[in-house]
Amino acid sequence: MNNQEKLKAFFDTNKKAWNNKTPIHLKSELYDIEGFKSGKSSLKFIELEELGDVKNKTMLHLQCHFGQDSLSWARLGAKVTGVDFSDEAIKVAKALNDELNLDAKFICSNIYDIEQHLDEKFDIVFTSYGTIGWLPDLNEWARLISHYLKPDGIFYIVDFHNVLWMFDDDFKYLKYSYFNLGEIEEEVEGTYADLNAPLKQKQYGWNHPLSEVINSLIENGLQIEFFHEFPFSVYDVFPNTVKGEDGWWRIKGLEDIIPMMFSIKAVKK
């Protein structure tokens, strides 16, 4: 099996896993779909503050899952196109868009294949929370980001910090390299939105040092405006966490010692 065939097998496995996760996520408290339908935004304060006003801006949302964040940006006036490789998630995203009478568009595609489905430029490319760890090649990811941005267009990412993926599932010891040594195969039970969900399935991921993230953007014509790190998670999706007085979650015993999230804003020059 050559490398392309291996990658296709990895992506097929991950797509099946995400298709299986989607109906469980829809029923979860984490995603609070009924609250969302009644007007609650899924966006967190970090991306709202750091990305700012999006009214009348065109936005490409990479790895959008079933589109809650895409539709939250649309509610704020952005003209959003969401992309995800899970056909089950995209079905839900399109149904939510229609039900809420919004004007977002959704495309089912692996982002590495998106040029086969989309030919336009955007003011903003956005991606968030649990994205790059599913991608083997960040240089190609950054090339596509640059390709889809207009001149002076903005790329923004907020994601869980790469240091987290070095640990075992319970954050008791270091299990994986910080560096990208190839695919990581895992047998996972449950899902981050419901740790007790009756799911047991294989998935593949890739660790990326932050130098790889940042340099891939720079090498593809993007100028970094800021890089921020945060000692907490805005989502309660990790085991062995404690909720701080600020309302956010930290790893028990590692509170304010390790970074848990990062954000980058870059401009295409």
Protein backbone atom coordinates (compact mmCIF):
# COMPACT_ATOMS: atom_id res chain seq x y z
CA MET A 1 0.00 0.00 0.00
CA ASN A 2 1.50 3.35 -1.05
CA ASN A 3 1.27 6.52 1.02
CA GLN A 4 -1.82 7.88 -0.76
CA GLU A 5 -3.64 4.60 -0.24
CA LYS A 6 -2.67 4.60 3.44
CA LEU A 7 -3.94 8.16 3.89
CA LYS A 8 -7.22 7.30 2.17
CA ALA A 9 -7.67 4.36 4.55
CA PHE A 10 -6.98 6.63 7.54
CA PHE A 11 -9.45 9.26 6.30
CA ASP A 12 -12.11 6.63 5.57
CA THR A 13 -11.74 5.29 9.12
CA ASN A 14 -11.98 8.78 10.60
CA LYS A 15 -14.97 9.70 8.44
CA LYS A 16 -16.82 6.62 9.66
CA ALA A 17 -15.94 7.54 13.25
CA TRP A 18 -17.27 11.08 12.84
CA ASN A 19 -20.43 9.84 11.14
CA ASN A 20 -21.00 7.64 14.20
CA LYS A 21 -20.31 10.53 16.59
CA THR A 22 -22.71 12.96 14.93
CA PRO A 23 -26.06 11.61 16.24
CA ILE A 24 -24.59 11.30 19.75
CA HIS A 25 -23.30 14.87 19.63
CA LEU A 26 -26.73 16.09 18.53
CA LYS A 27 -28.27 14.68 21.71
CA SER A 28 -25.49 15.87 24.05
CA GLU A 29 -25.57 18.64 26.63
CA LEU A 30 -22.29 19.93 25.23
CA TYR A 31 -23.85 20.93 21.93
CA ASP A 32 -27.22 21.94 23.46
CA ILE A 33 -29.00 21.82 20.13
CA GLU A 34 -32.33 23.06 21.49
CA GLY A 35 -30.67 26.06 23.12
CA PHE A 36 -28.86 26.74 19.87
CA LYS A 37 -32.10 26.59 17.87
CA SER A 38 -33.69 29.08 20.26
CA GLY A 39 -30.92 31.59 19.62
CA LYS A 40 -27.95 30.66 21.82
CA SER A 41 -24.58 31.16 20.11
CA SER A 42 -22.09 28.29 20.06
CA LEU A 43 -19.16 30.70 19.80
CA LYS A 44 -16.89 31.40 22.75
CA PHE A 45 -15.56 34.75 23.95
CA ILE A 46 -12.06 34.15 22.57
CA GLU A 47 -12.98 33.86 18.90
CA LEU A 48 -15.67 36.56 19.22
CA GLU A 49 -13.21 39.05 20.70
CA GLU A 50 -10.18 38.13 18.61
CA LEU A 51 -11.88 37.86 15.22
CA GLY A 52 -14.20 40.81 15.79
CA ASP A 53 -16.95 42.09 13.52
CA VAL A 54 -17.78 39.70 10.68
CA LYS A 55 -20.86 41.43 9.31
CA ASN A 56 -21.04 41.22 5.51
CA LYS A 57 -17.70 39.35 5.43
CA THR A 58 -17.36 36.12 3.46
CA MET A 59 -16.07 33.25 5.59
CA LEU A 60 -14.79 29.76 4.82
CA HIS A 61 -15.13 27.51 7.88
CA LEU A 62 -12.87 24.45 7.64
CA GLN A 63 -13.81 21.25 9.52
CA CYS A 64 -17.16 22.70 10.58
CA HIS A 65 -18.74 19.47 11.97
CA PHE A 66 -22.53 19.97 11.83
CA GLY A 67 -22.27 23.68 11.44
CA GLN A 68 -23.17 25.26 14.78
CA ASP A 69 -20.26 27.71 14.71
CA SER A 70 -20.82 28.36 10.99
CA LEU A 71 -24.45 29.23 11.68
CA SER A 72 -23.53 31.31 14.72
CA TRP A 73 -21.25 33.41 12.51
CA ALA A 74 -24.07 33.61 9.94
CA ARG A 75 -26.35 34.98 12.67
CA LEU A 76 -23.74 37.72 13.16
CA GLY A 77 -23.96 38.66 9.50
CA ALA A 78 -21.15 36.65 7.89
CA LYS A 79 -21.68 34.91 4.55
CA VAL A 80 -20.43 31.47 5.56
CA THR A 81 -19.39 28.36 3.64
CA GLY A 82 -18.73 25.37 5.91
CA VAL A 83 -16.69 22.32 4.91
CA ASP A 84 -16.51 18.91 6.59
CA PHE A 85 -15.78 15.37 5.43
CA SER A 86 -18.60 13.77 7.42
CA ASP A 87 -21.64 13.41 5.20
CA GLU A 88 -23.84 12.81 8.25
CA ALA A 89 -22.65 16.06 9.83
CA ILE A 90 -23.17 18.04 6.63
CA LYS A 91 -26.73 16.67 6.31
CA VAL A 92 -27.45 18.01 9.79
CA ALA A 93 -25.78 21.35 9.02
CA LYS A 94 -27.92 21.86 5.91
CA ALA A 95 -31.08 20.91 7.81
CA LEU A 96 -30.25 23.34 10.63
CA ASN A 97 -29.55 26.10 8.13
CA ASP A 98 -32.93 25.57 6.49
CA GLU A 99 -34.79 25.28 9.81
CA LEU A 100 -33.23 28.50 11.11
CA ASN A 101 -33.76 30.29 7.79
CA LEU A 102 -30.09 31.24 7.47
CA ASP A 103 -28.00 31.57 4.32
CA ALA A 104 -24.91 29.47 5.05
CA LYS A 105 -23.68 26.94 2.50
CA PHE A 106 -22.21 23.55 3.37
CA ILE A 107 -19.91 21.28 1.35
CA CYS A 108 -19.11 17.66 2.15
CA SER A 109 -15.42 17.22 1.36
CA ASN A 110 -12.10 16.30 2.88
CA ILE A 111 -10.43 19.71 3.04
CA TYR A 112 -7.53 18.36 0.98
CA ASP A 113 -10.05 17.81 -1.86
CA ILE A 114 -11.89 21.10 -1.50
CA GLU A 115 -10.54 22.59 -4.74
CA GLN A 116 -12.69 20.04 -6.58
CA HIS A 117 -15.82 21.58 -5.03
CA LEU A 118 -15.17 25.27 -4.40
CA ASP A 119 -13.80 28.10 -6.54
CA GLU A 120 -14.07 31.47 -4.78
CA LYS A 121 -12.09 33.71 -2.45
CA PHE A 122 -12.98 34.72 1.10
CA ASP A 123 -12.40 37.58 3.52
CA ILE A 124 -11.90 35.12 6.39
CA VAL A 125 -10.85 31.48 6.76
CA PHE A 126 -11.81 30.14 10.18
CA THR A 127 -11.18 26.87 12.01
CA SER A 128 -11.53 25.92 15.67
CA TYR A 129 -11.33 23.41 18.52
CA GLY A 130 -10.10 19.97 17.54
CA THR A 131 -9.04 20.45 13.93
CA ILE A 132 -5.37 20.15 12.96
CA GLY A 133 -4.83 16.91 14.88
CA TRP A 134 -6.86 15.17 12.17
CA LEU A 135 -4.59 16.44 9.39
CA PRO A 136 -1.31 14.78 8.34
CA ASP A 137 0.04 17.58 6.14
CA LEU A 138 -0.07 21.14 7.50
CA ASN A 139 1.84 22.63 4.58
CA GLU A 140 -0.96 21.59 2.23
CA TRP A 141 -3.52 22.82 4.79
CA ALA A 142 -1.81 26.22 4.86
CA ARG A 143 -1.54 26.31 1.06
CA LEU A 144 -5.30 25.85 0.82
CA ILE A 145 -5.92 28.54 3.42
CA SER A 146 -3.77 30.96 1.44
CA HIS A 147 -5.42 29.90 -1.83
CA TYR A 148 -8.90 30.70 -0.54
CA LEU A 149 -8.07 34.03 1.08
CA LYS A 150 -8.45 37.34 -0.70
CA PRO A 151 -5.47 39.72 -0.49
CA ASP A 152 -5.42 41.11 3.08
CA GLY A 153 -7.82 38.34 4.06
CA ILE A 154 -7.70 36.97 7.61
CA PHE A 155 -6.99 33.46 8.78
CA TYR A 156 -7.98 32.67 12.36
CA ILE A 157 -7.60 29.49 14.38
CA VAL A 158 -8.38 28.78 18.01
CA ASP A 159 -7.69 25.22 19.06
CA PHE A 160 -6.66 22.96 21.89
CA HIS A 161 -2.97 23.26 22.60
CA ASN A 162 -0.65 20.72 21.03
CA VAL A 163 0.91 19.96 24.43
CA LEU A 164 -2.36 18.27 25.52
CA TRP A 165 -1.97 15.56 22.89
CA MET A 166 1.30 14.39 24.47
CA PHE A 167 -0.57 12.93 27.46
CA ASP A 168 -2.44 9.70 28.04
CA ASP A 169 -6.24 9.96 28.18
CA ASP A 170 -6.27 10.66 31.93
CA PHE A 171 -3.37 13.17 31.94
CA LYS A 172 -1.27 11.00 34.24
CA TYR A 173 1.85 10.62 32.10
CA LEU A 174 3.43 11.63 28.79
CA LYS A 175 2.54 9.09 26.12
CA TYR A 176 3.19 10.68 22.72
CA SER A 177 5.86 12.88 21.17
CA TYR A 178 5.24 16.60 20.81
CA PHE A 179 6.62 16.23 17.30
CA ASN A 180 4.97 14.74 14.22
CA LEU A 181 6.35 11.21 14.02
CA GLY A 182 3.55 9.93 11.79
CA GLU A 183 0.02 8.71 12.37
CA ILE A 184 -1.21 7.79 15.85
CA GLU A 185 -3.70 4.92 15.87
CA GLU A 186 -6.12 4.81 18.79
CA GLU A 187 -9.06 2.66 19.86
CA VAL A 188 -11.43 5.13 21.48
CA GLU A 189 -14.45 4.53 23.68
CA GLY A 190 -17.21 7.12 23.89
CA THR A 191 -16.76 10.62 22.50
CA TYR A 192 -15.69 13.95 23.97
CA ALA A 193 -19.32 15.14 24.07
CA ASP A 194 -20.42 12.00 25.95
CA LEU A 195 -17.63 9.97 27.52
CA ASN A 196 -20.09 7.16 28.32
CA ALA A 197 -21.58 6.87 24.85
CA PRO A 198 -21.77 3.26 23.56
CA LEU A 199 -19.06 3.78 20.96
CA LYS A 200 -15.81 1.92 20.51
CA GLN A 201 -13.98 2.71 17.31
CA LYS A 202 -10.61 3.22 15.72
CA GLN A 203 -9.32 6.62 14.69
CA TYR A 204 -6.09 8.17 13.41
CA GLY A 205 -4.51 11.48 14.37
CA TRP A 206 -1.30 13.44 13.95
CA ASN A 207 0.57 15.55 16.49
CA HIS A 208 2.02 18.83 15.26
CA PRO A 209 4.45 21.10 17.12
CA LEU A 210 3.39 24.73 17.10
CA SER A 211 6.46 25.58 15.06
CA GLU A 212 5.00 23.44 12.28
CA VAL A 213 1.64 25.22 12.52
CA ILE A 214 3.17 28.70 12.45
CA ASN A 215 5.84 28.03 9.83
CA SER A 216 3.38 26.38 7.46
CA LEU A 217 1.34 29.58 7.47
CA ILE A 218 4.37 31.83 7.04
CA GLU A 219 5.73 29.70 4.18
CA ASN A 220 2.41 30.05 2.36
CA GLY A 221 2.32 33.84 2.37
CA LEU A 222 0.56 34.58 5.65
CA GLN A 223 1.83 37.18 8.10
CA ILE A 224 1.25 36.31 11.76
CA GLU A 225 -0.50 39.13 13.63
CA PHE A 226 -0.64 37.37 16.99
CA PHE A 227 -0.16 34.04 18.70
CA HIS A 228 -1.83 33.54 22.09
CA GLU A 229 -1.79 30.69 24.61
CA PHE A 230 -4.35 30.00 27.34
CA PRO A 231 -4.04 27.93 30.56
CA PHE A 232 -7.65 26.71 30.43
CA SER A 233 -10.22 25.05 28.17
CA VAL A 234 -13.51 26.73 27.32
CA TYR A 235 -15.03 23.27 26.87
CA ASP A 236 -15.51 20.58 29.50
CA VAL A 237 -14.30 17.78 27.25
CA PHE A 238 -11.25 16.42 29.08
CA PRO A 239 -11.14 13.96 31.99
CA ASN A 240 -9.68 14.93 35.37
CA THR A 241 -10.46 18.62 35.06
CA VAL A 242 -11.54 21.17 37.67
CA LYS A 243 -13.66 24.23 37.01
CA GLY A 244 -11.98 27.47 38.01
CA GLU A 245 -13.49 30.62 39.46
CA ASP A 246 -13.42 32.07 35.95
CA GLY A 247 -15.78 29.30 34.79
CA TRP A 248 -13.24 27.48 32.63
CA TRP A 249 -11.63 24.05 33.01
CA ARG A 250 -8.06 23.07 33.89
CA ILE A 251 -6.35 19.69 34.27
CA LYS A 252 -6.39 18.70 37.95
CA GLY A 253 -2.88 18.95 39.37
CA LEU A 254 -1.68 20.90 36.32
CA GLU A 255 -3.74 24.04 36.85
CA ASP A 256 -2.07 27.02 35.17
CA ILE A 257 1.07 24.93 34.57
CA ILE A 258 0.43 23.70 31.02
CA PRO A 259 -1.23 25.54 28.13
CA MET A 260 -4.61 24.14 27.08
CA MET A 261 -5.54 26.30 24.09
CA PHE A 262 -3.90 28.60 21.56
CA SER A 263 -5.04 31.08 18.94
CA ILE A 264 -3.41 32.57 15.85
CA LYS A 265 -4.52 35.41 13.61
CA ALA A 266 -2.71 35.84 10.31
CA VAL A 267 -3.17 38.03 7.23
CA LYS A 268 -2.50 37.12 3.61
CA LYS A 269 0.03 39.50 2.11
